[in-house]
Amino acid sequence: MNLNKLLETIPKTDLHCHLDGSIRPQTMIDISRKDNISLPSYSISELEKYVKVSGKCDSLKDYLNKFDIPIKIMQSYDNIYRITSELLEDAARQNICYMEIRFAPFNHLQKGLSLKDVINASIDAIKDGRKKYGIASNLILCAMRHESPEMSKDLVNTAKDFIGLGVSAIDLAGNEADFPPEIHREAFDMAKYYGLHRTVHAGETGNPANIIKSIELLNAERIGHGVFAFKDSHVVEYLKRNNIPLEVCITSNVNTSAVNSYKEHPVKSYMDNGIIITVNTDNTTVSNTSIVDEFKYLVKYQNFTLNDIKKVIKNSIDYSFADKKDKDSLNFKFLSFVNDMHI
């Protein structure tokens, strides 16, 4: 079996995937027609210009504009359920066995849903997805940097009631340049106290100091992106010394101009320097990618070997926020595949 075929069949995970950035364009059209939501076009090829990145954006802010339409349509239980379910179906087709789906519930309260309603819609879909598609998954709920610390605390207070029921963690996302992590410190202290896992978008847009701040002040167990860690050797050493994994999203980093090209991404350098790496999609629709594509780009542009790929997948299982039962099952599936294929 050649390596590209192997990448399609090997059991995989995706630990960093935004629900609102991963909606099928046809679903956007279906929901918009059903709910009388105006779209710039009802042709898939035209609509994709508004919800997918073609090549590179000037900045992360430009990239985030692609989420305007998705957020408009994610305002009912049925729509959130459908979108979550379809994402899991798409993931299962690529032999993703475990997925952590993230989104910001406060973005979905425009038509009367409560925080609990929003979370329940997605949780019901992931419960059904386990039965229908054989894929295990959890939710990571995102606090947004530009929102008030009180909103972040409200999110944590709601999330704690879903621990063990489908919510595994909280995250901090959004405009990193203007809103430093410490603004939301109290919410993340609460999350740790309640037993919620923590991951934080940091070092995505140029300031490596935010990576250490996120770990030391927000108790982050993983870092989303971390692409700019290379700008400070102290940060690289810190990540290595403290065994903090990076959730690498290589296509997204090219799209947002965090790096100039796939070849220039520091992921292989990080791995060679002993940093724990996981490979993820970020946004399958906005970045027009899949987990298989991400691995293929790493092979093509970063010279990843089969051993590198196996190491990354094992990292992703071991540093996931899955419970012990799911981790044991994932490790069994992965190691059985490796042994059966003699790889």
C-alpha atoms as a PDB file:
ATOM      1  CA  MET A   1       0.000   0.000   0.000  1.00  0.00           C
ATOM      2  CA  ASN A   2       1.428   3.390  -0.949  1.00  0.00           C
ATOM      3  CA  LEU A   3       1.696   6.146   1.633  1.00  0.00           C
ATOM      4  CA  ASN A   4      -1.157   8.280   0.278  1.00  0.00           C
ATOM      5  CA  LYS A   5      -3.540   5.316   0.409  1.00  0.00           C
ATOM      6  CA  LEU A   6      -2.320   4.509   3.897  1.00  0.00           C
ATOM      7  CA  LEU A   7      -3.099   8.060   5.026  1.00  0.00           C
ATOM      8  CA  GLU A   8      -6.706   7.509   3.984  1.00  0.00           C
ATOM      9  CA  THR A   9      -7.143   4.206   5.813  1.00  0.00           C
ATOM     10  CA  ILE A  10      -5.089   4.608   8.997  1.00  0.00           C
ATOM     11  CA  PRO A  11      -7.189   5.483  12.090  1.00  0.00           C
ATOM     12  CA  LYS A  12      -6.844   9.191  12.827  1.00  0.00           C
ATOM     13  CA  THR A  13      -8.053  11.976  15.109  1.00  0.00           C
ATOM     14  CA  ASP A  14      -8.870  15.656  14.666  1.00  0.00           C
ATOM     15  CA  LEU A  15      -8.487  17.615  17.903  1.00  0.00           C
ATOM     16  CA  HIS A  16      -8.866  21.135  16.510  1.00  0.00           C
ATOM     17  CA  CYS A  17     -11.893  21.541  14.266  1.00  0.00           C
ATOM     18  CA  HIS A  18     -14.320  24.454  14.411  1.00  0.00           C
ATOM     19  CA  LEU A  19     -17.920  23.472  13.766  1.00  0.00           C
ATOM     20  CA  ASP A  20     -18.893  26.798  12.198  1.00  0.00           C
ATOM     21  CA  GLY A  21     -15.922  26.618   9.831  1.00  0.00           C
ATOM     22  CA  SER A  22     -16.760  23.104   8.671  1.00  0.00           C
ATOM     23  CA  ILE A  23     -20.294  23.264   7.254  1.00  0.00           C
ATOM     24  CA  ARG A  24     -21.135  21.728   3.892  1.00  0.00           C
ATOM     25  CA  PRO A  25     -21.986  24.552   1.447  1.00  0.00           C
ATOM     26  CA  GLN A  26     -25.074  22.656   0.278  1.00  0.00           C
ATOM     27  CA  THR A  27     -26.259  22.569   3.882  1.00  0.00           C
ATOM     28  CA  MET A  28     -25.857  26.348   4.128  1.00  0.00           C
ATOM     29  CA  ILE A  29     -28.101  26.670   1.076  1.00  0.00           C
ATOM     30  CA  ASP A  30     -30.668  24.156   2.374  1.00  0.00           C
ATOM     31  CA  ILE A  31     -30.952  25.843   5.771  1.00  0.00           C
ATOM     32  CA  SER A  32     -31.064  29.336   4.298  1.00  0.00           C
ATOM     33  CA  ARG A  33     -33.962  28.375   2.030  1.00  0.00           C
ATOM     34  CA  LYS A  34     -35.784  26.653   4.894  1.00  0.00           C
ATOM     35  CA  ASP A  35     -35.329  29.570   7.299  1.00  0.00           C
ATOM     36  CA  ASN A  36     -35.612  32.421   4.770  1.00  0.00           C
ATOM     37  CA  ILE A  37     -32.053  33.573   5.365  1.00  0.00           C
ATOM     38  CA  SER A  38     -30.613  35.739   2.616  1.00  0.00           C
ATOM     39  CA  LEU A  39     -27.409  34.498   0.983  1.00  0.00           C
ATOM     40  CA  PRO A  40     -25.210  36.324  -1.534  1.00  0.00           C
ATOM     41  CA  SER A  41     -25.800  33.353  -3.854  1.00  0.00           C
ATOM     42  CA  TYR A  42     -27.640  30.033  -3.849  1.00  0.00           C
ATOM     43  CA  SER A  43     -25.147  28.500  -6.261  1.00  0.00           C
ATOM     44  CA  ILE A  44     -22.527  26.366  -4.509  1.00  0.00           C
ATOM     45  CA  SER A  45     -19.694  27.604  -6.714  1.00  0.00           C
ATOM     46  CA  GLU A  46     -20.627  31.244  -6.046  1.00  0.00           C
ATOM     47  CA  LEU A  47     -21.345  30.745  -2.349  1.00  0.00           C
ATOM     48  CA  GLU A  48     -17.952  29.132  -1.850  1.00  0.00           C
ATOM     49  CA  LYS A  49     -16.318  32.476  -2.639  1.00  0.00           C
ATOM     50  CA  TYR A  50     -17.871  33.810   0.582  1.00  0.00           C
ATOM     51  CA  VAL A  51     -17.208  30.835   2.867  1.00  0.00           C
ATOM     52  CA  LYS A  52     -13.925  29.358   1.598  1.00  0.00           C
ATOM     53  CA  VAL A  53     -10.453  30.830   1.403  1.00  0.00           C
ATOM     54  CA  SER A  54      -8.773  30.649  -1.959  1.00  0.00           C
ATOM     55  CA  GLY A  55      -5.052  30.707  -1.276  1.00  0.00           C
ATOM     56  CA  LYS A  56      -4.163  33.336   1.308  1.00  0.00           C
ATOM     57  CA  CYS A  57      -5.883  36.091   3.263  1.00  0.00           C
ATOM     58  CA  ASP A  58      -4.156  39.294   4.254  1.00  0.00           C
ATOM     59  CA  SER A  59      -4.644  38.470   7.930  1.00  0.00           C
ATOM     60  CA  LEU A  60      -6.472  36.326  10.462  1.00  0.00           C
ATOM     61  CA  LYS A  61      -9.197  38.999  10.600  1.00  0.00           C
ATOM     62  CA  ASP A  62      -9.891  38.529   6.869  1.00  0.00           C
ATOM     63  CA  TYR A  63     -10.021  34.773   7.408  1.00  0.00           C
ATOM     64  CA  LEU A  64     -12.563  35.179  10.212  1.00  0.00           C
ATOM     65  CA  ASN A  65     -14.927  37.065   7.875  1.00  0.00           C
ATOM     66  CA  LYS A  66     -15.680  33.703   6.239  1.00  0.00           C
ATOM     67  CA  PHE A  67     -17.663  32.759   9.361  1.00  0.00           C
ATOM     68  CA  ASP A  68     -20.404  35.373   8.958  1.00  0.00           C
ATOM     69  CA  ILE A  69     -22.770  33.156   6.956  1.00  0.00           C
ATOM     70  CA  PRO A  70     -22.179  29.992   9.033  1.00  0.00           C
ATOM     71  CA  ILE A  71     -23.033  31.819  12.260  1.00  0.00           C
ATOM     72  CA  LYS A  72     -26.256  33.171  10.704  1.00  0.00           C
ATOM     73  CA  ILE A  73     -27.529  29.671  10.006  1.00  0.00           C
ATOM     74  CA  MET A  74     -26.475  28.095  13.321  1.00  0.00           C
ATOM     75  CA  GLN A  75     -29.335  29.606  15.326  1.00  0.00           C
ATOM     76  CA  SER A  76     -31.672  26.663  15.925  1.00  0.00           C
ATOM     77  CA  TYR A  77     -31.460  23.259  17.587  1.00  0.00           C
ATOM     78  CA  ASP A  78     -32.204  21.420  14.341  1.00  0.00           C
ATOM     79  CA  ASN A  79     -29.586  23.326  12.352  1.00  0.00           C
ATOM     80  CA  ILE A  80     -26.836  22.852  14.936  1.00  0.00           C
ATOM     81  CA  TYR A  81     -27.736  19.168  15.252  1.00  0.00           C
ATOM     82  CA  ARG A  82     -27.619  18.659  11.477  1.00  0.00           C
ATOM     83  CA  ILE A  83     -24.323  20.502  11.032  1.00  0.00           C
ATOM     84  CA  THR A  84     -22.671  18.547  13.857  1.00  0.00           C
ATOM     85  CA  SER A  85     -23.991  15.249  12.532  1.00  0.00           C
ATOM     86  CA  GLU A  86     -22.771  15.941   8.992  1.00  0.00           C
ATOM     87  CA  LEU A  87     -19.319  16.908  10.232  1.00  0.00           C
ATOM     88  CA  LEU A  88     -19.057  13.581  12.051  1.00  0.00           C
ATOM     89  CA  GLU A  89     -20.262  11.722   8.951  1.00  0.00           C
ATOM     90  CA  ASP A  90     -17.619  13.461   6.834  1.00  0.00           C
ATOM     91  CA  ALA A  91     -14.950  12.709   9.434  1.00  0.00           C
ATOM     92  CA  ALA A  92     -15.867   9.033   9.692  1.00  0.00           C
ATOM     93  CA  ARG A  93     -15.465   8.671   5.913  1.00  0.00           C
ATOM     94  CA  GLN A  94     -11.802   9.599   6.367  1.00  0.00           C
ATOM     95  CA  ASN A  95     -11.312   7.062   9.147  1.00  0.00           C
ATOM     96  CA  ILE A  96     -11.251   9.656  11.890  1.00  0.00           C
ATOM     97  CA  CYS A  97     -12.048   7.600  14.977  1.00  0.00           C
ATOM     98  CA  TYR A  98     -12.099  10.470  17.463  1.00  0.00           C
ATOM     99  CA  MET A  99     -12.838  14.147  17.073  1.00  0.00           C
ATOM    100  CA  GLU A 100     -12.940  17.210  19.283  1.00  0.00           C
ATOM    101  CA  ILE A 101     -15.393  19.710  17.830  1.00  0.00           C
ATOM    102  CA  ARG A 102     -15.196  23.286  19.013  1.00  0.00           C
ATOM    103  CA  PHE A 103     -17.416  26.311  18.704  1.00  0.00           C
ATOM    104  CA  ALA A 104     -18.482  29.397  20.679  1.00  0.00           C
ATOM    105  CA  PRO A 105     -22.014  28.888  22.056  1.00  0.00           C
ATOM    106  CA  PHE A 106     -22.543  32.617  22.651  1.00  0.00           C
ATOM    107  CA  ASN A 107     -22.497  33.083  18.854  1.00  0.00           C
ATOM    108  CA  HIS A 108     -25.691  31.057  18.534  1.00  0.00           C
ATOM    109  CA  LEU A 109     -28.169  32.832  20.817  1.00  0.00           C
ATOM    110  CA  GLN A 110     -29.592  35.269  18.247  1.00  0.00           C
ATOM    111  CA  LYS A 111     -32.964  33.514  17.840  1.00  0.00           C
ATOM    112  CA  GLY A 112     -33.832  32.538  21.383  1.00  0.00           C
ATOM    113  CA  LEU A 113     -31.671  29.515  22.176  1.00  0.00           C
ATOM    114  CA  SER A 114     -30.038  29.355  25.598  1.00  0.00           C
ATOM    115  CA  LEU A 115     -26.438  28.270  26.138  1.00  0.00           C
ATOM    116  CA  LYS A 116     -27.708  24.873  27.276  1.00  0.00           C
ATOM    117  CA  ASP A 117     -29.923  24.526  24.191  1.00  0.00           C
ATOM    118  CA  VAL A 118     -26.956  25.167  21.900  1.00  0.00           C
ATOM    119  CA  ILE A 119     -24.736  22.689  23.722  1.00  0.00           C
ATOM    120  CA  ASN A 120     -27.464  20.033  23.865  1.00  0.00           C
ATOM    121  CA  ALA A 121     -28.042  20.257  20.105  1.00  0.00           C
ATOM    122  CA  SER A 122     -24.431  19.352  19.436  1.00  0.00           C
ATOM    123  CA  ILE A 123     -24.244  16.765  22.221  1.00  0.00           C
ATOM    124  CA  ASP A 124     -27.312  14.959  20.882  1.00  0.00           C
ATOM    125  CA  ALA A 125     -25.627  14.799  17.473  1.00  0.00           C
ATOM    126  CA  ILE A 126     -22.375  13.423  18.866  1.00  0.00           C
ATOM    127  CA  LYS A 127     -24.250  10.760  20.839  1.00  0.00           C
ATOM    128  CA  ASP A 128     -26.081   9.710  17.686  1.00  0.00           C
ATOM    129  CA  GLY A 129     -22.873   9.987  15.647  1.00  0.00           C
ATOM    130  CA  ARG A 130     -21.211   7.405  17.844  1.00  0.00           C
ATOM    131  CA  LYS A 131     -24.011   4.956  17.066  1.00  0.00           C
ATOM    132  CA  LYS A 132     -24.419   5.826  13.367  1.00  0.00           C
ATOM    133  CA  TYR A 133     -20.832   6.347  12.273  1.00  0.00           C
ATOM    134  CA  GLY A 134     -18.752   4.650  14.971  1.00  0.00           C
ATOM    135  CA  ILE A 135     -16.909   7.872  15.751  1.00  0.00           C
ATOM    136  CA  ALA A 136     -16.235   9.061  19.294  1.00  0.00           C
ATOM    137  CA  SER A 137     -16.249  12.803  19.892  1.00  0.00           C
ATOM    138  CA  ASN A 138     -16.355  15.556  22.482  1.00  0.00           C
ATOM    139  CA  LEU A 139     -17.098  19.263  22.449  1.00  0.00           C
ATOM    140  CA  ILE A 140     -14.653  22.039  23.265  1.00  0.00           C
ATOM    141  CA  LEU A 141     -16.538  25.245  24.066  1.00  0.00           C
ATOM    142  CA  CYS A 142     -14.838  28.469  23.026  1.00  0.00           C
ATOM    143  CA  ALA A 143     -14.793  31.659  25.025  1.00  0.00           C
ATOM    144  CA  MET A 144     -14.096  34.624  22.755  1.00  0.00           C
ATOM    145  CA  ARG A 145     -11.303  37.048  23.533  1.00  0.00           C
ATOM    146  CA  HIS A 146     -13.296  40.168  22.673  1.00  0.00           C
ATOM    147  CA  GLU A 147     -16.171  39.196  24.945  1.00  0.00           C
ATOM    148  CA  SER A 148     -16.349  40.094  28.622  1.00  0.00           C
ATOM    149  CA  PRO A 149     -14.739  37.999  31.371  1.00  0.00           C
ATOM    150  CA  GLU A 150     -18.250  37.602  32.804  1.00  0.00           C
ATOM    151  CA  MET A 151     -19.400  35.864  29.620  1.00  0.00           C
ATOM    152  CA  SER A 152     -16.438  33.490  29.823  1.00  0.00           C
ATOM    153  CA  LYS A 153     -17.352  32.669  33.419  1.00  0.00           C
ATOM    154  CA  ASP A 154     -20.978  32.087  32.396  1.00  0.00           C
ATOM    155  CA  LEU A 155     -19.743  29.690  29.725  1.00  0.00           C
ATOM    156  CA  VAL A 156     -17.673  27.722  32.241  1.00  0.00           C
ATOM    157  CA  ASN A 157     -20.553  27.615  34.727  1.00  0.00           C
ATOM    158  CA  THR A 158     -22.754  26.136  32.011  1.00  0.00           C
ATOM    159  CA  ALA A 159     -20.076  23.789  30.654  1.00  0.00           C
ATOM    160  CA  LYS A 160     -19.451  22.209  34.048  1.00  0.00           C
ATOM    161  CA  ASP A 161     -22.923  20.647  33.971  1.00  0.00           C
ATOM    162  CA  PHE A 162     -21.970  18.733  30.811  1.00  0.00           C
ATOM    163  CA  ILE A 163     -18.683  17.210  32.023  1.00  0.00           C
ATOM    164  CA  GLY A 164     -18.771  13.522  31.140  1.00  0.00           C
ATOM    165  CA  LEU A 165     -21.826  14.073  28.947  1.00  0.00           C
ATOM    166  CA  GLY A 166     -20.059  15.334  25.831  1.00  0.00           C
ATOM    167  CA  VAL A 167     -18.193  18.489  26.869  1.00  0.00           C
ATOM    168  CA  SER A 168     -14.526  17.908  27.617  1.00  0.00           C
ATOM    169  CA  ALA A 169     -12.867  21.334  27.581  1.00  0.00           C
ATOM    170  CA  ILE A 170     -12.966  25.067  27.077  1.00  0.00           C
ATOM    171  CA  ASP A 171     -10.886  27.150  24.713  1.00  0.00           C
ATOM    172  CA  LEU A 172     -10.089  30.815  24.159  1.00  0.00           C
ATOM    173  CA  ALA A 173     -10.299  31.999  20.551  1.00  0.00           C
ATOM    174  CA  GLY A 174     -10.587  35.172  18.497  1.00  0.00           C
ATOM    175  CA  ASN A 175      -8.522  38.322  18.085  1.00  0.00           C
ATOM    176  CA  GLU A 176      -5.243  37.460  19.779  1.00  0.00           C
ATOM    177  CA  ALA A 177      -3.501  40.723  18.880  1.00  0.00           C
ATOM    178  CA  ASP A 178      -5.862  43.034  20.781  1.00  0.00           C
ATOM    179  CA  PHE A 179      -7.021  40.845  23.676  1.00  0.00           C
ATOM    180  CA  PRO A 180      -4.312  39.172  25.800  1.00  0.00           C
ATOM    181  CA  PRO A 181      -5.092  35.852  27.507  1.00  0.00           C
ATOM    182  CA  GLU A 182      -5.011  37.145  31.077  1.00  0.00           C
ATOM    183  CA  ILE A 183      -8.329  38.984  30.589  1.00  0.00           C
ATOM    184  CA  HIS A 184     -10.043  35.600  30.948  1.00  0.00           C
ATOM    185  CA  ARG A 185      -7.892  34.165  33.716  1.00  0.00           C
ATOM    186  CA  GLU A 186     -10.686  33.801  36.265  1.00  0.00           C
ATOM    187  CA  ALA A 187     -12.839  31.730  33.901  1.00  0.00           C
ATOM    188  CA  PHE A 188      -9.963  29.356  33.227  1.00  0.00           C
ATOM    189  CA  ASP A 189      -9.224  29.056  36.952  1.00  0.00           C
ATOM    190  CA  MET A 190     -12.854  28.037  37.383  1.00  0.00           C
ATOM    191  CA  ALA A 191     -12.567  25.539  34.527  1.00  0.00           C
ATOM    192  CA  LYS A 192      -9.592  23.860  36.162  1.00  0.00           C
ATOM    193  CA  TYR A 193     -11.396  23.774  39.510  1.00  0.00           C
ATOM    194  CA  TYR A 194     -14.434  22.074  37.971  1.00  0.00           C
ATOM    195  CA  GLY A 195     -12.334  19.538  36.067  1.00  0.00           C
ATOM    196  CA  LEU A 196     -12.731  20.899  32.547  1.00  0.00           C
ATOM    197  CA  HIS A 197      -9.732  20.512  30.262  1.00  0.00           C
ATOM    198  CA  ARG A 198      -8.199  23.695  28.834  1.00  0.00           C
ATOM    199  CA  THR A 199      -6.767  24.536  25.431  1.00  0.00           C
ATOM    200  CA  VAL A 200      -6.004  28.049  24.165  1.00  0.00           C
ATOM    201  CA  HIS A 201      -5.402  29.578  20.738  1.00  0.00           C
ATOM    202  CA  ALA A 202      -2.005  31.228  21.180  1.00  0.00           C
ATOM    203  CA  GLY A 203       0.980  32.191  19.071  1.00  0.00           C
ATOM    204  CA  GLU A 204      -1.262  32.103  16.001  1.00  0.00           C
ATOM    205  CA  THR A 205      -0.698  35.709  14.977  1.00  0.00           C
ATOM    206  CA  GLY A 206       2.818  36.684  15.912  1.00  0.00           C
ATOM    207  CA  ASN A 207       3.268  36.996  19.675  1.00  0.00           C
ATOM    208  CA  PRO A 208       5.007  33.925  21.125  1.00  0.00           C
ATOM    209  CA  ALA A 209       4.740  35.363  24.657  1.00  0.00           C
ATOM    210  CA  ASN A 210       1.015  34.556  24.562  1.00  0.00           C
ATOM    211  CA  ILE A 211       1.906  30.865  24.482  1.00  0.00           C
ATOM    212  CA  ILE A 212       3.608  30.926  27.875  1.00  0.00           C
ATOM    213  CA  LYS A 213       0.960  33.285  29.277  1.00  0.00           C
ATOM    214  CA  SER A 214      -1.744  30.843  28.211  1.00  0.00           C
ATOM    215  CA  ILE A 215      -0.019  27.964  29.966  1.00  0.00           C
ATOM    216  CA  GLU A 216       0.975  29.783  33.139  1.00  0.00           C
ATOM    217  CA  LEU A 217      -2.038  32.084  33.572  1.00  0.00           C
ATOM    218  CA  LEU A 218      -4.831  30.056  31.957  1.00  0.00           C
ATOM    219  CA  ASN A 219      -3.582  26.550  32.833  1.00  0.00           C
ATOM    220  CA  ALA A 220      -3.656  25.517  29.168  1.00  0.00           C
ATOM    221  CA  GLU A 221      -2.893  21.825  28.667  1.00  0.00           C
ATOM    222  CA  ARG A 222      -2.606  22.222  24.894  1.00  0.00           C
ATOM    223  CA  ILE A 223      -1.941  25.167  22.598  1.00  0.00           C
ATOM    224  CA  GLY A 224      -3.966  25.833  19.467  1.00  0.00           C
ATOM    225  CA  HIS A 225      -1.636  26.612  16.554  1.00  0.00           C
ATOM    226  CA  GLY A 226       1.481  27.942  18.354  1.00  0.00           C
ATOM    227  CA  VAL A 227       2.949  28.617  14.932  1.00  0.00           C
ATOM    228  CA  PHE A 228       4.989  31.604  16.145  1.00  0.00           C
ATOM    229  CA  ALA A 229       6.770  29.740  18.948  1.00  0.00           C
ATOM    230  CA  PHE A 230       9.833  29.568  16.688  1.00  0.00           C
ATOM    231  CA  LYS A 231      10.347  33.321  17.110  1.00  0.00           C
ATOM    232  CA  ASP A 232      11.526  32.752  20.687  1.00  0.00           C
ATOM    233  CA  SER A 233      13.820  29.837  21.529  1.00  0.00           C
ATOM    234  CA  HIS A 234      12.763  30.153  25.171  1.00  0.00           C
ATOM    235  CA  VAL A 235       9.166  29.367  24.168  1.00  0.00           C
ATOM    236  CA  VAL A 236      10.267  26.332  22.154  1.00  0.00           C
ATOM    237  CA  GLU A 237      12.232  25.016  25.133  1.00  0.00           C
ATOM    238  CA  TYR A 238       9.334  25.779  27.469  1.00  0.00           C
ATOM    239  CA  LEU A 239       6.890  23.746  25.362  1.00  0.00           C
ATOM    240  CA  LYS A 240       9.316  20.859  25.179  1.00  0.00           C
ATOM    241  CA  ARG A 241      10.192  20.913  28.881  1.00  0.00           C
ATOM    242  CA  ASN A 242       6.563  21.034  29.977  1.00  0.00           C
ATOM    243  CA  ASN A 243       5.228  18.495  27.453  1.00  0.00           C
ATOM    244  CA  ILE A 244       2.635  20.900  26.079  1.00  0.00           C
ATOM    245  CA  PRO A 245       1.273  19.681  22.726  1.00  0.00           C
ATOM    246  CA  LEU A 246       0.632  21.971  19.781  1.00  0.00           C
ATOM    247  CA  GLU A 247      -2.561  21.581  17.775  1.00  0.00           C
ATOM    248  CA  VAL A 248      -1.020  22.234  14.360  1.00  0.00           C
ATOM    249  CA  CYS A 249      -3.301  23.360  11.508  1.00  0.00           C
ATOM    250  CA  ILE A 250      -0.922  23.833   8.597  1.00  0.00           C
ATOM    251  CA  THR A 251      -3.355  24.856   5.823  1.00  0.00           C
ATOM    252  CA  SER A 252      -5.066  27.369   8.079  1.00  0.00           C
ATOM    253  CA  ASN A 253      -1.698  28.931   8.926  1.00  0.00           C
ATOM    254  CA  VAL A 254      -0.964  29.339   5.212  1.00  0.00           C
ATOM    255  CA  ASN A 255      -4.462  30.786   4.647  1.00  0.00           C
ATOM    256  CA  THR A 256      -4.054  33.417   7.373  1.00  0.00           C
ATOM    257  CA  SER A 257      -0.537  34.343   6.190  1.00  0.00           C
ATOM    258  CA  ALA A 258       0.925  33.211   9.512  1.00  0.00           C
ATOM    259  CA  VAL A 259       3.408  31.375   7.271  1.00  0.00           C
ATOM    260  CA  ASN A 260       4.210  32.039   3.630  1.00  0.00           C
ATOM    261  CA  SER A 261       3.905  28.465   2.411  1.00  0.00           C
ATOM    262  CA  TYR A 262       3.537  24.840   3.442  1.00  0.00           C
ATOM    263  CA  LYS A 263       7.291  24.386   3.094  1.00  0.00           C
ATOM    264  CA  GLU A 264       8.030  27.264   5.458  1.00  0.00           C
ATOM    265  CA  HIS A 265       5.798  26.019   8.267  1.00  0.00           C
ATOM    266  CA  PRO A 266       7.873  25.212  11.391  1.00  0.00           C
ATOM    267  CA  VAL A 267       6.009  21.990  12.230  1.00  0.00           C
ATOM    268  CA  LYS A 268       8.847  19.604  11.289  1.00  0.00           C
ATOM    269  CA  SER A 269      11.369  21.738  13.135  1.00  0.00           C
ATOM    270  CA  TYR A 270       9.155  21.656  16.218  1.00  0.00           C
ATOM    271  CA  MET A 271       8.834  17.903  16.013  1.00  0.00           C
ATOM    272  CA  ASP A 272      12.564  17.417  15.502  1.00  0.00           C
ATOM    273  CA  ASN A 273      13.165  19.643  18.543  1.00  0.00           C
ATOM    274  CA  GLY A 274      11.031  17.422  20.739  1.00  0.00           C
ATOM    275  CA  ILE A 275       7.770  19.390  20.842  1.00  0.00           C
ATOM    276  CA  ILE A 276       4.645  17.230  20.912  1.00  0.00           C
ATOM    277  CA  ILE A 277       2.740  17.736  17.656  1.00  0.00           C
ATOM    278  CA  THR A 278      -0.825  16.899  16.686  1.00  0.00           C
ATOM    279  CA  VAL A 279      -2.221  17.453  13.173  1.00  0.00           C
ATOM    280  CA  ASN A 280      -5.659  18.984  12.681  1.00  0.00           C
ATOM    281  CA  THR A 281      -7.931  20.671  10.136  1.00  0.00           C
ATOM    282  CA  ASP A 282      -9.058  23.849  11.964  1.00  0.00           C
ATOM    283  CA  ASN A 283     -11.881  24.517   9.462  1.00  0.00           C
ATOM    284  CA  THR A 284     -12.609  21.967   6.772  1.00  0.00           C
ATOM    285  CA  THR A 285     -14.831  24.282   4.711  1.00  0.00           C
ATOM    286  CA  VAL A 286     -13.182  27.665   5.252  1.00  0.00           C
ATOM    287  CA  SER A 287      -9.725  26.187   4.595  1.00  0.00           C
ATOM    288  CA  ASN A 288     -11.048  23.721   1.994  1.00  0.00           C
ATOM    289  CA  THR A 289      -9.162  20.849   3.587  1.00  0.00           C
ATOM    290  CA  SER A 290      -9.520  17.478   5.291  1.00  0.00           C
ATOM    291  CA  ILE A 291      -7.423  15.546   7.777  1.00  0.00           C
ATOM    292  CA  VAL A 292      -6.156  13.347   4.929  1.00  0.00           C
ATOM    293  CA  ASP A 293      -5.145  16.466   2.988  1.00  0.00           C
ATOM    294  CA  GLU A 294      -3.282  17.826   6.016  1.00  0.00           C
ATOM    295  CA  PHE A 295      -1.198  14.663   6.319  1.00  0.00           C
ATOM    296  CA  LYS A 296      -0.550  14.594   2.576  1.00  0.00           C
ATOM    297  CA  TYR A 297       0.748  18.179   2.713  1.00  0.00           C
ATOM    298  CA  LEU A 298       3.085  17.203   5.550  1.00  0.00           C
ATOM    299  CA  VAL A 299       4.464  14.332   3.482  1.00  0.00           C
ATOM    300  CA  LYS A 300       4.788  16.440   0.326  1.00  0.00           C
ATOM    301  CA  TYR A 301       6.136  19.704   1.744  1.00  0.00           C
ATOM    302  CA  GLN A 302       7.632  18.773   5.123  1.00  0.00           C
ATOM    303  CA  ASN A 303       9.113  15.368   4.262  1.00  0.00           C
ATOM    304  CA  PHE A 304       7.146  13.583   6.960  1.00  0.00           C
ATOM    305  CA  THR A 305       7.905   9.868   7.064  1.00  0.00           C
ATOM    306  CA  LEU A 306       5.572   7.036   7.988  1.00  0.00           C
ATOM    307  CA  ASN A 307       7.173   6.976  11.439  1.00  0.00           C
ATOM    308  CA  ASP A 308       6.497  10.710  11.824  1.00  0.00           C
ATOM    309  CA  ILE A 309       2.856  10.141  10.932  1.00  0.00           C
ATOM    310  CA  LYS A 310       2.486   7.260  13.381  1.00  0.00           C
ATOM    311  CA  LYS A 311       4.058   9.379  16.110  1.00  0.00           C
ATOM    312  CA  VAL A 312       1.690  12.285  15.432  1.00  0.00           C
ATOM    313  CA  ILE A 313      -1.388  10.047  15.524  1.00  0.00           C
ATOM    314  CA  LYS A 314      -0.232   8.392  18.764  1.00  0.00           C
ATOM    315  CA  ASN A 315       0.373  11.859  20.256  1.00  0.00           C
ATOM    316  CA  SER A 316      -3.129  12.890  19.245  1.00  0.00           C
ATOM    317  CA  ILE A 317      -4.669   9.930  21.022  1.00  0.00           C
ATOM    318  CA  ASP A 318      -2.553  10.262  24.153  1.00  0.00           C
ATOM    319  CA  TYR A 319      -3.036  14.031  24.493  1.00  0.00           C
ATOM    320  CA  SER A 320      -6.686  14.098  23.501  1.00  0.00           C
ATOM    321  CA  PHE A 321      -9.318  15.058  26.047  1.00  0.00           C
ATOM    322  CA  ALA A 322     -11.044  11.694  25.630  1.00  0.00           C
ATOM    323  CA  ASP A 323     -11.808   9.676  28.738  1.00  0.00           C
ATOM    324  CA  LYS A 324      -9.788   6.569  29.599  1.00  0.00           C
ATOM    325  CA  LYS A 325     -12.287   4.173  28.019  1.00  0.00           C
ATOM    326  CA  ASP A 326     -12.201   5.989  24.681  1.00  0.00           C
ATOM    327  CA  LYS A 327      -8.413   6.411  24.783  1.00  0.00           C
ATOM    328  CA  ASP A 328      -7.956   2.698  25.389  1.00  0.00           C
ATOM    329  CA  SER A 329     -10.293   1.933  22.484  1.00  0.00           C
ATOM    330  CA  LEU A 330      -8.507   4.403  20.184  1.00  0.00           C
ATOM    331  CA  ASN A 331      -5.092   3.023  21.059  1.00  0.00           C
ATOM    332  CA  PHE A 332      -6.349  -0.501  20.416  1.00  0.00           C
ATOM    333  CA  LYS A 333      -7.720   0.468  16.974  1.00  0.00           C
ATOM    334  CA  PHE A 334      -4.570   2.330  16.019  1.00  0.00           C
ATOM    335  CA  LEU A 335      -2.078  -0.270  17.243  1.00  0.00           C
ATOM    336  CA  SER A 336      -4.116  -3.114  15.727  1.00  0.00           C
ATOM    337  CA  PHE A 337      -4.015  -1.356  12.354  1.00  0.00           C
ATOM    338  CA  VAL A 338      -0.260  -0.785  12.628  1.00  0.00           C
ATOM    339  CA  ASN A 339       0.338  -4.430  13.533  1.00  0.00           C
ATOM    340  CA  ASP A 340      -2.037  -5.816  10.896  1.00  0.00           C
ATOM    341  CA  MET A 341      -0.438  -3.697   8.170  1.00  0.00           C
ATOM    342  CA  HIS A 342       3.103  -4.450   9.396  1.00  0.00           C
ATOM    343  CA  ILE A 343       4.020  -0.772   9.375  1.00  0.00           C
END
